[in-house]
Structure formats: structure tokens, C-alpha cells
């Protein structure tokens, strides 16, 4: 069994240490670092030594989806396994799937399931989330996904427009479309869905 190089990101330092100690009990898992925020993982990400990031879905300095986008943008071969801090969130699962997460584990998962997921995404033996979740959600376009991510990151329409290279009006149009598809009326309601999964179950069955 080949060695899997892991970096752990979790907002609670004690959890980081506990997960590191767990991983290091297995000879094929090598923890190269831990951090309470995504900024602390930048050096490890830049040098390309990490095989799998094991991280919480909500970090101190950004959302889990935002971190996933940055990782996958420049390091397509680096895998990400999410560990959910709260209850089930079909919206988070869907976004994580669309942006290429290898696995999303519930807060109730056991150590054996967590270790198996880290190994599985690295070795390519874990069934891809894309195939498991195919057809479970109404389809959002790539642009709608980008605007959705911007809303969840707390960006203004202008900031999102500048980042995507489109007009404020176009961003507003995409926002209205995704609100309609997800059945929400405000960004506050959308964030509540993302964090708690409230009200979106019927869209993701």
C-alpha cells in the first residue's frame, strides 16, 4: 500500500492534533501538517507535496467550498476529503461534488470510515461522488455555481462581477436564476441552507 501524504485543516486545534495522532497510527498515512485555517496550508499547497487534504466544511478564514476551488484550480491531482461540522447539508454536498471533492463525511462518521475515505480517494478505489450523486439535484450552470460560491463567501455583486470578468447586471441575473432553482428569496436563506440543509431536501433526492 503506497504512502498517502495528508494535510489536516480544522478550526479547532485539539481536533487537528487528535486527527493527526489517529492518522499517524497507520504506516501508510503521513501527516505533513495541520492548520486551523486555509491560510496555514498555503505553503504545503504551493510545493505540491500533499496527496489529500482532510478538512472541515467550514474554516476560520473561508468556506470549505472556497478552499476546494482554490486547491483544484492549480492542483487537479490533489484530493479533498471533507468532514462536516454540523448536520447534513445537501446544498454543500452538491457544491462539493461539482467542484471535485473526493468525499464528504458526516459529523457522525467513525475513525475507520474517515481513514478509509482518505485512502480511497488517493488510491482511486472510492466511488467518485460525481457518479453517486448524478441526477440528485437540479442542474446549476457553471456560472450560477460561481455566483453561488461568491454569495456564500460574502462577496458583493460587484466583487463577484470583477472576479468573473462580467457585469454587475449579469451577476444579478445569474443570482436570480439560482435563487429560483433553489427556491430561496434571499442570501440569508441561502446561507442557512448551506450551513444546515434546511428546506432543500426535496431538490436533492
Protein backbone atom coordinates (compact mmCIF):
# COMPACT_ATOMS: atom_id res chain seq x y z
CA UNK A 1 0.00 0.00 0.00
CA UNK A 2 1.53 3.32 -1.05
CA UNK A 3 2.04 6.21 1.35
CA UNK A 4 -0.63 8.91 1.41
CA UNK A 5 0.60 12.39 2.38
CA UNK A 6 -2.13 14.22 4.31
CA UNK A 7 -2.69 17.80 5.47
CA UNK A 8 -5.42 18.42 8.07
CA UNK A 9 -7.41 21.66 8.31
CA UNK A 10 -9.95 22.07 11.14
CA UNK A 11 -10.97 25.22 13.06
CA UNK A 12 -10.31 23.53 16.42
CA UNK A 13 -6.64 22.92 17.23
CA UNK A 14 -7.37 19.97 19.52
CA UNK A 15 -9.27 18.21 16.75
CA UNK A 16 -6.36 18.79 14.36
CA UNK A 17 -4.00 17.14 16.84
CA UNK A 18 -6.38 14.24 17.51
CA UNK A 19 -6.81 13.56 13.78
CA UNK A 20 -3.06 13.78 13.25
CA UNK A 21 -2.40 11.29 16.05
CA UNK A 22 -5.02 8.95 14.59
CA UNK A 23 -3.56 9.09 11.09
CA UNK A 24 -0.01 8.53 12.31
CA UNK A 25 -1.02 5.18 13.81
CA UNK A 26 -1.19 3.84 10.26
CA UNK A 27 2.08 3.26 8.48
CA UNK A 28 0.74 4.27 5.08
CA UNK A 29 -0.61 7.66 6.22
CA UNK A 30 1.86 10.53 6.68
CA UNK A 31 0.57 13.82 8.11
CA UNK A 32 2.72 16.64 6.75
CA UNK A 33 0.95 19.40 8.65
CA UNK A 34 -2.14 20.72 10.40
CA UNK A 35 -3.79 24.14 10.46
CA UNK A 36 -6.86 25.83 11.89
CA UNK A 37 -7.36 27.87 8.71
CA UNK A 38 -6.74 27.64 4.99
CA UNK A 39 -4.01 30.30 5.08
CA UNK A 40 -1.88 27.94 7.16
CA UNK A 41 -1.95 25.37 4.37
CA UNK A 42 -0.68 27.67 1.61
CA UNK A 43 2.98 26.64 1.77
CA UNK A 44 2.15 22.94 1.64
CA UNK A 45 -0.27 23.55 -1.21
CA UNK A 46 2.26 25.57 -3.18
CA UNK A 47 5.01 22.95 -3.08
CA UNK A 48 2.67 20.22 -4.30
CA UNK A 49 3.60 17.63 -1.66
CA UNK A 50 0.08 16.91 -0.41
CA UNK A 51 -1.93 13.98 -1.75
CA UNK A 52 -5.09 14.53 0.31
CA UNK A 53 -6.43 17.50 2.26
CA UNK A 54 -8.69 16.37 5.11
CA UNK A 55 -10.65 19.44 6.13
CA UNK A 56 -13.78 20.73 7.79
CA UNK A 57 -16.58 22.14 5.67
CA UNK A 58 -16.29 25.48 7.48
CA UNK A 59 -12.91 27.06 8.23
CA UNK A 60 -11.84 30.14 10.19
CA UNK A 61 -10.93 32.19 7.13
CA UNK A 62 -13.14 30.86 4.31
CA UNK A 63 -15.84 28.36 3.40
CA UNK A 64 -14.92 24.79 2.60
CA UNK A 65 -16.10 25.23 -0.98
CA UNK A 66 -13.93 28.32 -1.41
CA UNK A 67 -10.88 26.36 -0.20
CA UNK A 68 -11.77 23.46 -2.51
CA UNK A 69 -11.97 25.79 -5.52
CA UNK A 70 -8.52 27.21 -4.80
CA UNK A 71 -6.98 23.77 -4.36
CA UNK A 72 -8.49 22.32 -7.52
CA UNK A 73 -7.72 25.40 -9.59
CA UNK A 74 -3.97 24.79 -9.58
CA UNK A 75 -3.62 21.25 -8.24
CA UNK A 76 -6.06 18.96 -10.04
CA UNK A 77 -4.36 15.81 -8.77
CA UNK A 78 -4.67 16.85 -5.11
CA UNK A 79 -7.69 15.25 -3.45
CA UNK A 80 -10.01 16.70 -0.82
CA UNK A 81 -11.99 14.85 1.84
CA UNK A 82 -14.48 16.98 3.78
CA UNK A 83 -15.53 16.37 7.37
CA UNK A 84 -18.84 18.07 8.14
CA UNK A 85 -19.04 20.04 11.37
CA UNK A 86 -22.83 20.19 11.56
CA UNK A 87 -25.82 18.33 10.22
CA UNK A 88 -26.47 17.17 6.69
CA UNK A 89 -26.42 19.89 4.03
CA UNK A 90 -27.46 18.64 0.57
CA UNK A 91 -26.51 22.03 -0.88
CA UNK A 92 -22.96 21.74 0.45
CA UNK A 93 -22.71 18.16 -0.82
CA UNK A 94 -23.85 19.25 -4.26
CA UNK A 95 -21.39 22.15 -4.45
CA UNK A 96 -18.54 19.99 -3.17
CA UNK A 97 -19.37 17.43 -5.84
CA UNK A 98 -19.45 19.98 -8.63
CA UNK A 99 -16.07 21.39 -7.61
CA UNK A 100 -14.40 17.97 -7.37
CA UNK A 101 -14.34 16.84 -3.73
CA UNK A 102 -13.40 13.20 -3.31
CA UNK A 103 -15.70 12.57 -0.33
CA UNK A 104 -17.92 14.35 2.18
CA UNK A 105 -18.17 12.61 5.56
CA UNK A 106 -20.88 13.28 8.15
CA UNK A 107 -20.01 14.52 11.62
CA UNK A 108 -21.14 11.15 12.95
CA UNK A 109 -18.64 9.11 10.91
CA UNK A 110 -16.25 6.77 12.70
CA UNK A 111 -12.47 6.78 12.54
CA UNK A 112 -12.43 3.72 10.29
CA UNK A 113 -14.69 5.44 7.75
CA UNK A 114 -12.54 8.56 7.81
CA UNK A 115 -9.30 6.64 7.27
CA UNK A 116 -10.90 4.55 4.52
CA UNK A 117 -12.05 7.70 2.70
CA UNK A 118 -8.58 9.28 2.81
CA UNK A 119 -7.01 6.10 1.46
CA UNK A 120 -9.75 5.56 -1.08
CA UNK A 121 -9.63 8.98 -2.73
CA UNK A 122 -5.84 8.79 -3.04
CA UNK A 123 -5.78 5.26 -4.42
CA UNK A 124 -8.76 5.84 -6.70
CA UNK A 125 -10.75 3.00 -5.16
CA UNK A 126 -13.52 5.15 -3.69
CA UNK A 127 -16.52 5.53 -5.97
CA UNK A 128 -16.46 9.14 -7.26
CA UNK A 129 -19.04 11.43 -5.69
CA UNK A 130 -19.99 12.61 -9.17
CA UNK A 131 -21.38 9.20 -10.13
CA UNK A 132 -23.01 8.58 -6.75
CA UNK A 133 -24.87 11.90 -6.84
CA UNK A 134 -25.66 12.09 -10.55
CA UNK A 135 -29.22 13.24 -11.13
CA UNK A 136 -29.90 14.10 -7.50
CA UNK A 137 -30.11 17.86 -7.94
CA UNK A 138 -31.47 20.42 -10.30
CA UNK A 139 -28.63 21.46 -12.52
CA UNK A 140 -26.99 24.81 -11.95
CA UNK A 141 -24.83 26.16 -14.74
CA UNK A 142 -21.11 26.71 -14.16
CA UNK A 143 -21.67 30.47 -13.94
CA UNK A 144 -24.55 30.03 -11.49
CA UNK A 145 -22.24 27.88 -9.36
CA UNK A 146 -19.59 30.61 -9.40
CA UNK A 147 -22.12 33.26 -8.35
CA UNK A 148 -23.48 30.94 -5.65
CA UNK A 149 -19.96 30.46 -4.28
CA UNK A 150 -19.47 34.23 -4.23
CA UNK A 151 -22.67 34.74 -2.25
CA UNK A 152 -21.65 32.11 0.29
CA UNK A 153 -18.25 33.78 0.64
CA UNK A 154 -19.99 37.07 1.49
CA UNK A 155 -18.87 38.87 -1.66
CA UNK A 156 -20.87 41.74 -3.13
CA UNK A 157 -22.27 41.53 -6.65
CA UNK A 158 -19.57 43.97 -7.75
CA UNK A 159 -16.77 41.86 -6.27
CA UNK A 160 -18.13 38.72 -7.90
CA UNK A 161 -18.54 40.52 -11.22
CA UNK A 162 -14.94 41.73 -11.12
CA UNK A 163 -13.65 38.26 -10.25
CA UNK A 164 -15.60 36.61 -13.07
CA UNK A 165 -14.99 39.37 -15.61
CA UNK A 166 -18.68 40.06 -16.24
CA UNK A 167 -21.05 42.94 -15.47
CA UNK A 168 -22.93 43.51 -12.22
CA UNK A 169 -26.18 43.13 -14.14
CA UNK A 170 -25.15 39.73 -15.47
CA UNK A 171 -24.21 38.56 -11.97
CA UNK A 172 -27.61 39.73 -10.73
CA UNK A 173 -29.29 37.72 -13.49
CA UNK A 174 -27.40 34.56 -12.50
CA UNK A 175 -28.23 35.21 -8.86
CA UNK A 176 -31.94 35.45 -9.60
CA UNK A 177 -31.82 32.26 -11.65
CA UNK A 178 -30.10 30.23 -8.95
CA UNK A 179 -32.43 31.64 -6.28
CA UNK A 180 -35.35 30.42 -8.38
CA UNK A 181 -33.85 26.96 -8.91
CA UNK A 182 -33.11 26.54 -5.20
CA UNK A 183 -36.39 28.07 -4.08
CA UNK A 184 -34.92 30.84 -1.91
CA UNK A 185 -35.67 34.55 -1.70
CA UNK A 186 -32.54 35.94 -0.05
CA UNK A 187 -28.84 35.37 0.53
CA UNK A 188 -29.56 34.87 4.24
CA UNK A 189 -31.90 32.00 3.43
CA UNK A 190 -29.32 30.56 1.05
CA UNK A 191 -26.57 30.62 3.69
CA UNK A 192 -28.94 28.92 6.13
CA UNK A 193 -29.46 26.14 3.58
CA UNK A 194 -25.73 25.77 3.08
CA UNK A 195 -24.95 25.53 6.79
CA UNK A 196 -27.92 23.48 7.97
CA UNK A 197 -29.54 21.90 4.94
CA UNK A 198 -32.93 23.37 5.86
CA UNK A 199 -35.54 23.25 3.15
CA UNK A 200 -33.51 21.79 0.29
CA UNK A 201 -34.04 18.09 0.77
CA UNK A 202 -36.65 17.80 -1.99
CA UNK A 203 -34.22 19.26 -4.53
CA UNK A 204 -31.53 16.72 -3.79
CA UNK A 205 -33.40 13.42 -3.54
